[in-house]
């Protein structure tokens, strides 16, 4: 298991951080792809179920006149779409710390997803609020960097270039914030469910004892 060295009073350089990431880069990509495929698969399945439901309701009320059946079908369809989005978002939130698990626990792809599902259980609402806050921050940054486009509305090429640059800068600033927030909440979940702070304390004590044993006797 990999422990966060900064919590143990040890310095970590940027190059060392990259050296720790690169061996797991393939797994990180596979985790992201698997999460995307699961989300797409659930969305497609729910859409198919929605179409079947609407088709069945249309057959049932085919010979019934009036606006009542039409309103009922639209209402059922709208409620089903809302439910579908809630289920997809819930699935995404379950996998919110899968990459953190892979990086810090050196777990495989499927085990990382299982770990995330276990850690986020009963805490999905808090994760949703974190992502909501990160979304507000990202929107605010995007708005701040994009508003000069209105001054360039008569210069199409300049406005287009500014739009690309503003989007790049806004994402560059907001994405690390969301990643840091997810990583911090990963530690919080492990402390709540697995007493991770005690594990860090024991690791710190072991490190101090090793240093004391290695120190030369005067």
N, C-alpha and C. Protein backbone atom coordinates (compact mmCIF):
# COMPACT_ATOMS: atom_id res chain seq x y z
N UNK A 1 0.85 -1.19 0.00
CA UNK A 1 0.00 0.00 0.00
C UNK A 1 0.88 1.25 0.00
N UNK A 2 0.49 2.26 -0.76
CA UNK A 2 1.23 3.50 -0.83
C UNK A 2 0.61 4.51 0.12
N UNK A 3 1.40 5.07 1.01
CA UNK A 3 0.91 6.08 1.93
C UNK A 3 1.30 7.45 1.41
N UNK A 4 0.49 8.48 1.67
CA UNK A 4 0.83 9.84 1.26
C UNK A 4 2.02 10.34 2.06
N UNK A 5 3.14 10.49 1.43
CA UNK A 5 4.38 10.79 2.13
C UNK A 5 4.36 12.17 2.77
N UNK A 6 3.57 13.10 2.21
CA UNK A 6 3.51 14.42 2.81
C UNK A 6 2.91 14.37 4.21
N UNK A 7 2.02 13.38 4.46
CA UNK A 7 1.44 13.22 5.79
C UNK A 7 2.47 12.69 6.79
N UNK A 8 3.56 12.13 6.29
CA UNK A 8 4.58 11.56 7.15
C UNK A 8 5.76 12.51 7.34
N UNK A 9 5.60 13.75 6.90
CA UNK A 9 6.66 14.72 7.06
C UNK A 9 7.78 14.56 6.06
N UNK A 10 7.53 13.84 4.96
CA UNK A 10 8.55 13.62 3.95
C UNK A 10 8.27 14.50 2.74
N UNK A 11 9.30 15.06 2.17
CA UNK A 11 9.14 15.93 1.00
C UNK A 11 8.92 15.09 -0.25
N UNK A 12 8.12 15.62 -1.15
CA UNK A 12 7.82 14.94 -2.41
C UNK A 12 8.06 15.93 -3.55
N UNK A 13 8.90 15.56 -4.50
CA UNK A 13 9.20 16.44 -5.63
C UNK A 13 8.22 16.16 -6.78
N UNK A 14 8.17 17.12 -7.71
CA UNK A 14 7.27 16.96 -8.86
C UNK A 14 7.70 15.78 -9.72
N UNK A 15 9.01 15.66 -9.96
CA UNK A 15 9.50 14.55 -10.79
C UNK A 15 9.20 13.21 -10.13
N UNK A 16 9.29 13.15 -8.82
CA UNK A 16 8.98 11.91 -8.11
C UNK A 16 7.51 11.58 -8.22
N UNK A 17 6.67 12.60 -8.18
CA UNK A 17 5.23 12.39 -8.33
C UNK A 17 4.91 11.81 -9.70
N UNK A 18 5.56 12.36 -10.74
CA UNK A 18 5.35 11.84 -12.09
C UNK A 18 5.85 10.40 -12.22
N UNK A 19 6.95 10.09 -11.56
CA UNK A 19 7.46 8.72 -11.62
C UNK A 19 6.48 7.74 -10.96
N UNK A 20 5.75 8.20 -9.97
CA UNK A 20 4.75 7.33 -9.35
C UNK A 20 3.50 7.18 -10.20
N UNK A 21 3.22 8.19 -11.02
CA UNK A 21 2.00 8.16 -11.84
C UNK A 21 2.19 7.31 -13.08
N UNK A 22 3.31 7.46 -13.76
CA UNK A 22 3.50 6.83 -15.06
C UNK A 22 3.32 5.31 -15.05
N UNK A 23 3.81 4.56 -14.05
CA UNK A 23 3.59 3.11 -14.06
C UNK A 23 2.11 2.72 -13.97
N UNK A 24 1.27 3.63 -13.47
CA UNK A 24 -0.15 3.33 -13.32
C UNK A 24 -1.00 4.06 -14.35
N UNK A 25 -0.36 4.72 -15.30
CA UNK A 25 -1.11 5.51 -16.27
C UNK A 25 -2.05 4.65 -17.10
N UNK A 26 -1.59 3.45 -17.50
CA UNK A 26 -2.45 2.56 -18.26
C UNK A 26 -3.68 2.16 -17.49
N UNK A 27 -3.51 1.85 -16.20
CA UNK A 27 -4.66 1.48 -15.37
C UNK A 27 -5.62 2.64 -15.19
N UNK A 28 -5.06 3.85 -15.04
CA UNK A 28 -5.92 5.02 -14.89
C UNK A 28 -6.78 5.22 -16.13
N UNK A 29 -6.17 5.07 -17.31
CA UNK A 29 -6.93 5.21 -18.56
C UNK A 29 -8.01 4.14 -18.66
N UNK A 30 -7.66 2.90 -18.29
CA UNK A 30 -8.64 1.81 -18.34
C UNK A 30 -9.78 2.03 -17.36
N UNK A 31 -9.46 2.57 -16.19
CA UNK A 31 -10.52 2.87 -15.21
C UNK A 31 -11.47 3.92 -15.78
N UNK A 32 -10.90 4.99 -16.36
CA UNK A 32 -11.74 6.04 -16.94
C UNK A 32 -12.60 5.50 -18.07
N UNK A 33 -12.01 4.66 -18.94
CA UNK A 33 -12.78 4.08 -20.04
C UNK A 33 -13.88 3.16 -19.54
N UNK A 34 -13.57 2.35 -18.51
CA UNK A 34 -14.58 1.44 -17.99
C UNK A 34 -15.74 2.21 -17.35
N UNK A 35 -15.41 3.30 -16.65
CA UNK A 35 -16.48 4.11 -16.06
C UNK A 35 -17.35 4.72 -17.16
N UNK A 36 -16.72 5.24 -18.21
CA UNK A 36 -17.49 5.84 -19.31
C UNK A 36 -18.37 4.78 -19.98
N UNK A 37 -17.82 3.59 -20.22
CA UNK A 37 -18.59 2.54 -20.86
C UNK A 37 -19.76 2.10 -19.98
N UNK A 38 -19.56 2.03 -18.68
CA UNK A 38 -20.66 1.66 -17.78
C UNK A 38 -21.74 2.72 -17.80
N UNK A 39 -21.34 3.98 -17.81
CA UNK A 39 -22.33 5.06 -17.86
C UNK A 39 -23.10 5.04 -19.17
N UNK A 40 -22.38 4.83 -20.28
CA UNK A 40 -23.05 4.76 -21.59
C UNK A 40 -23.97 3.56 -21.64
N UNK A 41 -23.52 2.41 -21.12
CA UNK A 41 -24.34 1.21 -21.13
C UNK A 41 -25.62 1.39 -20.33
N UNK A 42 -25.51 1.97 -19.13
CA UNK A 42 -26.71 2.20 -18.33
C UNK A 42 -27.65 3.19 -19.01
N UNK A 43 -27.08 4.27 -19.58
CA UNK A 43 -27.91 5.26 -20.26
C UNK A 43 -28.66 4.63 -21.43
N UNK A 44 -27.96 3.82 -22.24
CA UNK A 44 -28.60 3.16 -23.38
C UNK A 44 -29.69 2.21 -22.92
N UNK A 45 -29.44 1.47 -21.85
CA UNK A 45 -30.43 0.52 -21.34
C UNK A 45 -31.67 1.24 -20.82
N UNK A 46 -31.45 2.32 -20.10
CA UNK A 46 -32.59 3.08 -19.56
C UNK A 46 -33.38 3.76 -20.67
N UNK A 47 -32.69 4.27 -21.69
CA UNK A 47 -33.40 4.87 -22.83
C UNK A 47 -34.24 3.83 -23.55
N UNK A 48 -33.70 2.62 -23.72
CA UNK A 48 -34.46 1.56 -24.37
C UNK A 48 -35.70 1.21 -23.54
N UNK A 49 -35.53 1.13 -22.22
CA UNK A 49 -36.68 0.86 -21.37
C UNK A 49 -37.73 1.97 -21.45
N UNK A 50 -37.26 3.22 -21.55
CA UNK A 50 -38.19 4.34 -21.68
C UNK A 50 -38.98 4.26 -22.99
N UNK A 51 -38.29 3.93 -24.07
CA UNK A 51 -38.99 3.82 -25.36
C UNK A 51 -40.02 2.70 -25.33
N UNK A 52 -39.67 1.58 -24.72
CA UNK A 52 -40.61 0.47 -24.61
C UNK A 52 -41.82 0.87 -23.78
N UNK A 53 -41.58 1.58 -22.67
CA UNK A 53 -42.67 2.02 -21.80
C UNK A 53 -43.61 2.96 -22.54
N UNK A 54 -43.05 3.93 -23.25
CA UNK A 54 -43.88 4.88 -24.00
C UNK A 54 -44.65 4.17 -25.10
N UNK A 55 -44.01 3.21 -25.76
CA UNK A 55 -44.68 2.45 -26.82
C UNK A 55 -45.86 1.65 -26.26
N UNK A 56 -45.66 1.03 -25.10
CA UNK A 56 -46.74 0.25 -24.49
C UNK A 56 -47.89 1.16 -24.09
N UNK A 57 -47.58 2.30 -23.50
CA UNK A 57 -48.64 3.24 -23.12
C UNK A 57 -49.39 3.76 -24.35
N UNK A 58 -48.65 3.99 -25.43
CA UNK A 58 -49.31 4.45 -26.67
C UNK A 58 -50.26 3.39 -27.21
N UNK A 59 -49.87 2.11 -27.11
CA UNK A 59 -50.76 1.04 -27.56
C UNK A 59 -51.98 0.93 -26.67
N UNK A 60 -51.80 1.10 -25.36
CA UNK A 60 -52.92 0.98 -24.43
C UNK A 60 -53.96 2.07 -24.67
N UNK A 61 -53.49 3.29 -24.90
CA UNK A 61 -54.41 4.42 -25.06
C UNK A 61 -54.63 4.79 -26.52
N UNK A 62 -54.35 3.85 -27.43
CA UNK A 62 -54.48 4.15 -28.86
C UNK A 62 -55.91 4.50 -29.24
N UNK A 63 -56.90 3.82 -28.65
CA UNK A 63 -58.29 4.07 -29.02
C UNK A 63 -59.00 5.05 -28.12
N UNK A 64 -58.26 5.67 -27.20
CA UNK A 64 -58.86 6.60 -26.26
C UNK A 64 -58.63 8.03 -26.75
N UNK A 65 -59.72 8.78 -26.84
CA UNK A 65 -59.59 10.15 -27.29
C UNK A 65 -59.32 11.10 -26.14
N UNK A 66 -59.16 12.37 -26.47
CA UNK A 66 -58.95 13.39 -25.45
C UNK A 66 -57.47 13.64 -25.19
N UNK A 67 -57.25 14.63 -24.35
CA UNK A 67 -55.88 15.03 -24.05
C UNK A 67 -55.32 14.29 -22.85
N UNK A 68 -56.16 13.60 -22.10
CA UNK A 68 -55.71 12.91 -20.89
C UNK A 68 -54.60 11.90 -21.16
N UNK A 69 -54.80 10.97 -22.10
CA UNK A 69 -53.74 9.99 -22.38
C UNK A 69 -52.42 10.62 -22.83
N UNK A 70 -52.53 11.68 -23.64
CA UNK A 70 -51.32 12.35 -24.12
C UNK A 70 -50.56 12.98 -22.95
N UNK A 71 -51.30 13.64 -22.06
CA UNK A 71 -50.67 14.25 -20.89
C UNK A 71 -50.04 13.18 -20.01
N UNK A 72 -50.74 12.05 -19.85
CA UNK A 72 -50.21 10.96 -19.03
C UNK A 72 -48.92 10.41 -19.62
N UNK A 73 -48.89 10.20 -20.94
CA UNK A 73 -47.69 9.66 -21.58
C UNK A 73 -46.52 10.63 -21.44
N UNK A 74 -46.79 11.92 -21.66
CA UNK A 74 -45.72 12.91 -21.51
C UNK A 74 -45.23 12.99 -20.07
N UNK A 75 -46.15 12.90 -19.13
CA UNK A 75 -45.76 12.96 -17.71
C UNK A 75 -44.91 11.76 -17.32
N UNK A 76 -45.32 10.57 -17.76
CA UNK A 76 -44.55 9.36 -17.47
C UNK A 76 -43.17 9.44 -18.13
N UNK A 77 -43.14 9.94 -19.36
CA UNK A 77 -41.85 10.07 -20.05
C UNK A 77 -40.94 11.06 -19.36
N UNK A 78 -41.47 12.19 -18.91
CA UNK A 78 -40.66 13.20 -18.23
C UNK A 78 -40.13 12.65 -16.90
N UNK A 79 -41.02 12.00 -16.13
CA UNK A 79 -40.59 11.43 -14.85
C UNK A 79 -39.54 10.35 -15.07
N UNK A 80 -39.68 9.57 -16.14
CA UNK A 80 -38.71 8.51 -16.42
C UNK A 80 -37.36 9.10 -16.80
N UNK A 81 -37.34 10.19 -17.55
CA UNK A 81 -36.08 10.83 -17.92
C UNK A 81 -35.37 11.37 -16.70
N UNK A 82 -36.12 12.03 -15.79
CA UNK A 82 -35.52 12.54 -14.56
C UNK A 82 -34.93 11.39 -13.74
N UNK A 83 -35.70 10.30 -13.62
CA UNK A 83 -35.21 9.14 -12.87
C UNK A 83 -33.96 8.55 -13.52
N UNK A 84 -33.95 8.52 -14.84
CA UNK A 84 -32.80 7.98 -15.55
C UNK A 84 -31.54 8.80 -15.27
N UNK A 85 -31.66 10.13 -15.33
CA UNK A 85 -30.50 10.97 -15.07
C UNK A 85 -30.03 10.83 -13.62
N UNK A 86 -30.97 10.70 -12.70
CA UNK A 86 -30.59 10.51 -11.30
C UNK A 86 -29.80 9.21 -11.13
N UNK A 87 -30.24 8.14 -11.79
CA UNK A 87 -29.55 6.85 -11.69
C UNK A 87 -28.16 6.91 -12.30
N UNK A 88 -28.03 7.59 -13.44
CA UNK A 88 -26.73 7.70 -14.10
C UNK A 88 -25.77 8.53 -13.25
N UNK A 89 -26.26 9.66 -12.70
CA UNK A 89 -25.41 10.48 -11.83
C UNK A 89 -25.00 9.71 -10.59
N UNK A 90 -25.93 8.94 -10.04
CA UNK A 90 -25.62 8.13 -8.86
C UNK A 90 -24.52 7.10 -9.17
N UNK A 91 -24.61 6.49 -10.35
CA UNK A 91 -23.58 5.53 -10.74
C UNK A 91 -22.23 6.22 -10.88
N UNK A 92 -22.22 7.41 -11.46
CA UNK A 92 -20.96 8.14 -11.62
C UNK A 92 -20.36 8.49 -10.27
N UNK A 93 -21.20 8.91 -9.32
CA UNK A 93 -20.71 9.28 -8.00
C UNK A 93 -20.13 8.08 -7.27
N UNK A 94 -20.64 6.89 -7.52
CA UNK A 94 -20.11 5.69 -6.89
C UNK A 94 -18.66 5.43 -7.29
N UNK A 95 -18.28 5.88 -8.49
CA UNK A 95 -16.93 5.65 -8.99
C UNK A 95 -16.03 6.88 -8.82
N UNK A 96 -16.42 7.81 -7.95
CA UNK A 96 -15.74 9.10 -7.87
C UNK A 96 -14.30 9.00 -7.40
N UNK A 97 -13.96 7.99 -6.59
CA UNK A 97 -12.60 7.89 -6.05
C UNK A 97 -11.89 6.63 -6.54
N UNK A 98 -12.29 6.11 -7.68
CA UNK A 98 -11.66 4.90 -8.22
C UNK A 98 -10.21 5.17 -8.62
N UNK A 99 -9.96 6.30 -9.24
CA UNK A 99 -8.59 6.62 -9.66
C UNK A 99 -7.70 6.87 -8.44
N UNK A 100 -8.24 7.54 -7.43
CA UNK A 100 -7.47 7.76 -6.20
C UNK A 100 -7.12 6.43 -5.55
N UNK A 101 -8.04 5.49 -5.57
CA UNK A 101 -7.76 4.16 -5.01
C UNK A 101 -6.65 3.47 -5.78
N UNK A 102 -6.68 3.58 -7.11
CA UNK A 102 -5.64 2.97 -7.94
C UNK A 102 -4.28 3.58 -7.64
N UNK A 103 -4.24 4.90 -7.51
CA UNK A 103 -2.96 5.58 -7.30
C UNK A 103 -2.39 5.32 -5.92
N UNK A 104 -3.22 5.39 -4.89
CA UNK A 104 -2.72 5.38 -3.52
C UNK A 104 -2.70 3.99 -2.90
N UNK A 105 -3.45 3.06 -3.49
CA UNK A 105 -3.46 1.69 -2.96
C UNK A 105 -2.88 0.69 -3.96
N UNK A 106 -2.55 1.19 -5.16
CA UNK A 106 -1.95 0.34 -6.20
C UNK A 106 -2.86 -0.85 -6.54
N UNK A 107 -4.16 -0.59 -6.64
CA UNK A 107 -5.12 -1.64 -6.95
C UNK A 107 -5.31 -1.77 -8.46
N UNK A 108 -5.82 -2.92 -8.87
CA UNK A 108 -6.11 -3.16 -10.28
C UNK A 108 -7.38 -2.43 -10.69
N UNK A 109 -7.72 -2.52 -11.97
CA UNK A 109 -8.84 -1.74 -12.50
C UNK A 109 -10.14 -2.10 -11.81
N UNK A 110 -10.52 -3.37 -11.84
CA UNK A 110 -11.79 -3.78 -11.25
C UNK A 110 -11.80 -3.57 -9.74
N UNK A 111 -10.67 -3.84 -9.09
CA UNK A 111 -10.60 -3.64 -7.64
C UNK A 111 -10.70 -2.16 -7.27
N UNK A 112 -10.17 -1.29 -8.12
CA UNK A 112 -10.27 0.15 -7.86
C UNK A 112 -11.73 0.60 -7.90
N UNK A 113 -12.47 0.09 -8.88
CA UNK A 113 -13.88 0.44 -8.99
C UNK A 113 -14.67 -0.12 -7.80
N UNK A 114 -14.34 -1.35 -7.39
CA UNK A 114 -15.00 -1.93 -6.23
C UNK A 114 -14.69 -1.15 -4.96
N UNK A 115 -13.43 -0.72 -4.83
CA UNK A 115 -13.05 0.06 -3.65
C UNK A 115 -13.81 1.38 -3.61
N UNK A 116 -13.93 2.03 -4.76
CA UNK A 116 -14.67 3.28 -4.82
C UNK A 116 -16.14 3.07 -4.45
N UNK A 117 -16.73 1.99 -4.95
CA UNK A 117 -18.12 1.69 -4.62
C UNK A 117 -18.29 1.47 -3.12
N UNK A 118 -17.33 0.78 -2.51
CA UNK A 118 -17.40 0.54 -1.06
C UNK A 118 -17.22 1.83 -0.27
N UNK A 119 -16.23 2.63 -0.64
CA UNK A 119 -15.93 3.84 0.14
C UNK A 119 -17.04 4.89 0.03
N UNK A 120 -17.64 5.01 -1.14
CA UNK A 120 -18.64 6.06 -1.35
C UNK A 120 -20.03 5.66 -0.89
N UNK A 121 -20.21 4.41 -0.52
CA UNK A 121 -21.53 3.96 -0.07
C UNK A 121 -21.96 4.79 1.15
N UNK A 122 -23.19 5.27 1.13
CA UNK A 122 -23.79 6.10 2.18
C UNK A 122 -23.25 7.53 2.19
N UNK A 123 -22.38 7.88 1.26
CA UNK A 123 -21.83 9.23 1.23
C UNK A 123 -21.99 9.88 -0.15
N UNK A 124 -22.89 9.37 -0.96
CA UNK A 124 -23.04 9.89 -2.33
C UNK A 124 -23.53 11.34 -2.33
N UNK A 125 -24.39 11.68 -1.38
CA UNK A 125 -24.92 13.04 -1.35
C UNK A 125 -23.82 14.07 -1.11
N UNK A 126 -22.88 13.75 -0.23
CA UNK A 126 -21.78 14.66 0.03
C UNK A 126 -20.89 14.80 -1.20
N UNK A 127 -20.64 13.70 -1.87
CA UNK A 127 -19.83 13.75 -3.09
C UNK A 127 -20.53 14.60 -4.15
N UNK A 128 -21.85 14.45 -4.24
CA UNK A 128 -22.62 15.27 -5.19
C UNK A 128 -22.46 16.75 -4.88
N UNK A 129 -22.51 17.13 -3.61
CA UNK A 129 -22.35 18.54 -3.24
C UNK A 129 -20.95 19.05 -3.58
N UNK A 130 -19.95 18.19 -3.40
CA UNK A 130 -18.58 18.58 -3.76
C UNK A 130 -18.48 18.85 -5.25
N UNK A 131 -19.00 17.93 -6.06
CA UNK A 131 -18.95 18.13 -7.51
C UNK A 131 -19.80 19.32 -7.95
N UNK A 132 -20.91 19.54 -7.25
CA UNK A 132 -21.73 20.70 -7.56
C UNK A 132 -20.95 21.99 -7.31
N UNK A 133 -20.25 22.06 -6.19
CA UNK A 133 -19.44 23.23 -5.89
C UNK A 133 -18.32 23.39 -6.91
N UNK A 134 -17.68 22.28 -7.30
CA UNK A 134 -16.63 22.36 -8.32
C UNK A 134 -17.21 22.83 -9.66
N UNK A 135 -18.44 22.40 -9.96
CA UNK A 135 -19.08 22.85 -11.19
C UNK A 135 -19.37 24.34 -11.17
N UNK A 136 -19.79 24.85 -10.02
CA UNK A 136 -20.03 26.30 -9.89
C UNK A 136 -18.74 27.07 -10.07
N UNK A 137 -17.65 26.57 -9.46
CA UNK A 137 -16.35 27.23 -9.61
C UNK A 137 -15.91 27.22 -11.07
N UNK A 138 -16.07 26.05 -11.73
CA UNK A 138 -15.70 25.96 -13.15
C UNK A 138 -16.53 26.90 -14.01
N UNK A 139 -17.84 26.99 -13.72
CA UNK A 139 -18.71 27.89 -14.49
C UNK A 139 -18.29 29.34 -14.28
N UNK A 140 -17.97 29.70 -13.02
CA UNK A 140 -17.57 31.07 -12.73
C UNK A 140 -16.27 31.42 -13.46
N UNK A 141 -15.31 30.50 -13.43
CA UNK A 141 -14.05 30.75 -14.14
C UNK A 141 -14.28 30.88 -15.64
N UNK A 142 -15.12 29.99 -16.17
CA UNK A 142 -15.43 30.07 -17.60
C UNK A 142 -16.09 31.39 -17.96
N UNK A 143 -17.00 31.85 -17.12
CA UNK A 143 -17.69 33.12 -17.39
C UNK A 143 -16.71 34.28 -17.36
N UNK A 144 -15.81 34.28 -16.37
CA UNK A 144 -14.85 35.38 -16.24
C UNK A 144 -13.93 35.45 -17.46
N UNK A 145 -13.47 34.28 -17.93
CA UNK A 145 -12.52 34.27 -19.05
C UNK A 145 -13.21 34.43 -20.40
N UNK A 146 -14.51 34.14 -20.46
CA UNK A 146 -15.20 34.20 -21.76
C UNK A 146 -15.86 35.55 -22.03
N UNK A 147 -16.08 36.35 -20.99
CA UNK A 147 -16.85 37.56 -21.24
C UNK A 147 -16.19 38.53 -22.23
N UNK A 148 -14.84 38.59 -22.35
CA UNK A 148 -14.27 39.50 -23.37
C UNK A 148 -14.66 39.14 -24.80
N UNK A 149 -15.22 37.94 -25.02
CA UNK A 149 -15.67 37.59 -26.38
C UNK A 149 -16.70 38.58 -26.90
N UNK A 150 -17.50 39.15 -26.00
CA UNK A 150 -18.52 40.11 -26.44
C UNK A 150 -17.89 41.36 -27.03
N UNK A 151 -16.67 41.68 -26.58
CA UNK A 151 -15.97 42.85 -27.13
C UNK A 151 -15.40 42.56 -28.51
N UNK A 152 -15.27 41.24 -28.83
CA UNK A 152 -14.67 40.85 -30.11
C UNK A 152 -15.71 40.28 -31.06
N UNK A 153 -16.98 40.59 -30.83
CA UNK A 153 -18.04 39.98 -31.64
C UNK A 153 -17.97 40.38 -33.11
N UNK A 154 -17.34 41.50 -33.39
CA UNK A 154 -17.21 41.93 -34.79
C UNK A 154 -15.97 41.34 -35.46
N UNK A 155 -15.11 40.71 -34.68
CA UNK A 155 -13.90 40.07 -35.22
C UNK A 155 -14.04 38.56 -34.97
N UNK A 156 -14.57 37.85 -35.94
CA UNK A 156 -14.91 36.45 -35.74
C UNK A 156 -13.69 35.60 -35.39
N UNK A 157 -12.60 35.77 -36.14
CA UNK A 157 -11.40 34.96 -35.92
C UNK A 157 -10.81 35.23 -34.53
N UNK A 158 -10.71 36.48 -34.16
CA UNK A 158 -10.16 36.83 -32.84
C UNK A 158 -11.05 36.28 -31.73
N UNK A 159 -12.37 36.36 -31.91
CA UNK A 159 -13.29 35.83 -30.90
C UNK A 159 -13.15 34.32 -30.78
N UNK A 160 -12.96 33.65 -31.93
CA UNK A 160 -12.80 32.20 -31.91
C UNK A 160 -11.52 31.79 -31.19
N UNK A 161 -10.43 32.50 -31.48
CA UNK A 161 -9.15 32.21 -30.82
C UNK A 161 -9.28 32.45 -29.31
N UNK A 162 -9.90 33.57 -28.95
CA UNK A 162 -10.07 33.87 -27.53
C UNK A 162 -10.93 32.81 -26.84
N UNK A 163 -11.96 32.31 -27.54
CA UNK A 163 -12.83 31.28 -26.96
C UNK A 163 -12.04 30.02 -26.63
N UNK A 164 -11.19 29.59 -27.56
CA UNK A 164 -10.38 28.39 -27.31
C UNK A 164 -9.41 28.62 -26.15
N UNK A 165 -8.77 29.78 -26.12
CA UNK A 165 -7.83 30.08 -25.05
C UNK A 165 -8.53 30.18 -23.70
N UNK A 166 -9.69 30.83 -23.68
CA UNK A 166 -10.43 30.98 -22.43
C UNK A 166 -10.90 29.63 -21.90
N UNK A 167 -11.36 28.77 -22.80
CA UNK A 167 -11.80 27.43 -22.37
C UNK A 167 -10.62 26.64 -21.82
N UNK A 168 -9.48 26.73 -22.49
CA UNK A 168 -8.29 26.01 -22.04
C UNK A 168 -7.85 26.49 -20.65
N UNK A 169 -7.79 27.79 -20.46
CA UNK A 169 -7.35 28.33 -19.17
C UNK A 169 -8.35 27.98 -18.06
N UNK A 170 -9.64 28.10 -18.36
CA UNK A 170 -10.65 27.81 -17.35
C UNK A 170 -10.59 26.35 -16.92
N UNK A 171 -10.45 25.44 -17.89
CA UNK A 171 -10.36 24.01 -17.55
C UNK A 171 -9.03 23.70 -16.84
N UNK A 172 -7.97 24.37 -17.24
CA UNK A 172 -6.68 24.15 -16.60
C UNK A 172 -6.71 24.54 -15.13
N UNK A 173 -7.47 25.58 -14.81
CA UNK A 173 -7.55 26.03 -13.42
C UNK A 173 -8.57 25.24 -12.61
N UNK A 174 -9.69 24.85 -13.23
CA UNK A 174 -10.77 24.21 -12.47
C UNK A 174 -10.57 22.71 -12.30
N UNK A 175 -9.98 22.04 -13.29
CA UNK A 175 -9.83 20.59 -13.20
C UNK A 175 -8.95 20.15 -12.03
N UNK A 176 -7.78 20.78 -11.81
CA UNK A 176 -6.99 20.37 -10.63
C UNK A 176 -7.73 20.58 -9.31
N UNK A 177 -8.57 21.62 -9.24
CA UNK A 177 -9.33 21.86 -8.00
C UNK A 177 -10.27 20.69 -7.73
N UNK A 178 -10.97 20.23 -8.76
CA UNK A 178 -11.89 19.09 -8.58
C UNK A 178 -11.13 17.82 -8.24
N UNK A 179 -9.95 17.63 -8.85
CA UNK A 179 -9.14 16.44 -8.54
C UNK A 179 -8.65 16.47 -7.10
N UNK A 180 -8.21 17.64 -6.64
CA UNK A 180 -7.75 17.78 -5.25
C UNK A 180 -8.91 17.52 -4.30
N UNK A 181 -10.09 18.06 -4.63
CA UNK A 181 -11.26 17.85 -3.77
C UNK A 181 -11.61 16.37 -3.67
N UNK A 182 -11.58 15.66 -4.80
CA UNK A 182 -11.88 14.22 -4.79
C UNK A 182 -10.83 13.45 -3.99
N UNK A 183 -9.57 13.85 -4.11
CA UNK A 183 -8.50 13.16 -3.37
C UNK A 183 -8.64 13.38 -1.87
N UNK A 184 -8.94 14.61 -1.48
CA UNK A 184 -9.14 14.89 -0.05
C UNK A 184 -10.33 14.12 0.49
N UNK A 185 -11.39 14.04 -0.30
CA UNK A 185 -12.55 13.30 0.18
C UNK A 185 -12.27 11.81 0.22
N UNK A 186 -11.39 11.32 -0.64
CA UNK A 186 -10.97 9.92 -0.57
C UNK A 186 -10.33 9.63 0.79
N UNK A 187 -9.43 10.52 1.23
CA UNK A 187 -8.82 10.35 2.55
C UNK A 187 -9.88 10.42 3.65
N UNK A 188 -10.82 11.35 3.49
CA UNK A 188 -11.87 11.48 4.49
C UNK A 188 -12.70 10.21 4.60
N UNK A 189 -13.03 9.61 3.46
CA UNK A 189 -13.81 8.38 3.47
C UNK A 189 -13.04 7.24 4.11
N UNK A 190 -11.76 7.16 3.84
CA UNK A 190 -10.96 6.08 4.44
C UNK A 190 -10.80 6.28 5.94
N UNK A 191 -10.71 7.52 6.38
CA UNK A 191 -10.65 7.78 7.81
C UNK A 191 -11.96 7.40 8.48
N UNK A 192 -13.08 7.72 7.84
CA UNK A 192 -14.39 7.40 8.41
C UNK A 192 -14.64 5.90 8.46
N UNK A 193 -14.22 5.18 7.42
CA UNK A 193 -14.59 3.77 7.30
C UNK A 193 -13.48 2.81 7.72
N UNK A 194 -12.22 3.26 7.64
CA UNK A 194 -11.12 2.33 7.88
C UNK A 194 -10.07 2.85 8.86
N UNK A 195 -10.38 3.93 9.56
CA UNK A 195 -9.43 4.51 10.52
C UNK A 195 -8.07 4.75 9.87
N UNK A 196 -8.09 5.38 8.70
CA UNK A 196 -6.86 5.59 7.95
C UNK A 196 -5.88 6.48 8.69
N UNK A 197 -6.41 7.39 9.53
CA UNK A 197 -5.52 8.25 10.29
C UNK A 197 -4.67 7.45 11.27
N UNK A 198 -5.24 6.37 11.83
CA UNK A 198 -4.46 5.52 12.72
C UNK A 198 -3.39 4.76 11.95
N UNK A 199 -3.71 4.35 10.72
CA UNK A 199 -2.70 3.68 9.90
C UNK A 199 -1.55 4.63 9.59
N UNK A 200 -1.87 5.89 9.29
CA UNK A 200 -0.82 6.87 9.02
C UNK A 200 0.02 7.12 10.27
N UNK A 201 -0.64 7.16 11.43
CA UNK A 201 0.09 7.38 12.68
C UNK A 201 1.06 6.23 12.94
N UNK A 202 0.60 4.99 12.72
CA UNK A 202 1.47 3.84 12.92
C UNK A 202 2.63 3.86 11.93
N UNK A 203 2.34 4.25 10.68
CA UNK A 203 3.40 4.33 9.68
C UNK A 203 4.42 5.41 10.06
N UNK A 204 3.91 6.53 10.58
CA UNK A 204 4.80 7.60 11.00
C UNK A 204 5.68 7.17 12.16
N UNK A 205 5.11 6.43 13.12
CA UNK A 205 5.89 5.94 14.24
C UNK A 205 6.96 4.95 13.78
N UNK A 206 6.57 4.08 12.84
CA UNK A 206 7.54 3.13 12.30
C UNK A 206 8.66 3.83 11.58
N UNK A 207 8.34 4.89 10.84
CA UNK A 207 9.36 5.66 10.13
C UNK A 207 10.30 6.34 11.12
N UNK A 208 9.75 6.89 12.21
CA UNK A 208 10.58 7.55 13.22
C UNK A 208 11.50 6.55 13.91
N UNK A 209 11.00 5.34 14.17
CA UNK A 209 11.82 4.32 14.79
C UNK A 209 12.95 3.88 13.86
N UNK A 210 12.66 3.79 12.57
CA UNK A 210 13.70 3.42 11.60
C UNK A 210 14.79 4.49 11.56
N UNK A 211 14.38 5.76 11.60
CA UNK A 211 15.37 6.83 11.59
C UNK A 211 16.21 6.82 12.85
N UNK A 212 15.57 6.54 13.99
CA UNK A 212 16.32 6.50 15.25
C UNK A 212 17.30 5.34 15.26
N UNK A 213 16.89 4.20 14.69
CA UNK A 213 17.79 3.04 14.65
C UNK A 213 18.96 3.27 13.71
N UNK A 214 18.71 4.03 12.63
CA UNK A 214 19.77 4.28 11.66
C UNK A 214 20.71 5.41 12.07
N UNK A 215 20.30 6.20 13.07
CA UNK A 215 21.14 7.34 13.49
C UNK A 215 22.40 6.81 14.17
N UNK A 216 23.54 7.45 13.90
CA UNK A 216 24.81 7.00 14.53
C UNK A 216 24.80 7.28 16.02
N UNK A 217 25.37 6.39 16.76
CA UNK A 217 25.45 6.55 18.20
C UNK A 217 26.66 7.42 18.54
N UNK A 218 26.42 8.51 19.32
CA UNK A 218 27.52 9.44 19.63
C UNK A 218 28.38 8.96 20.79
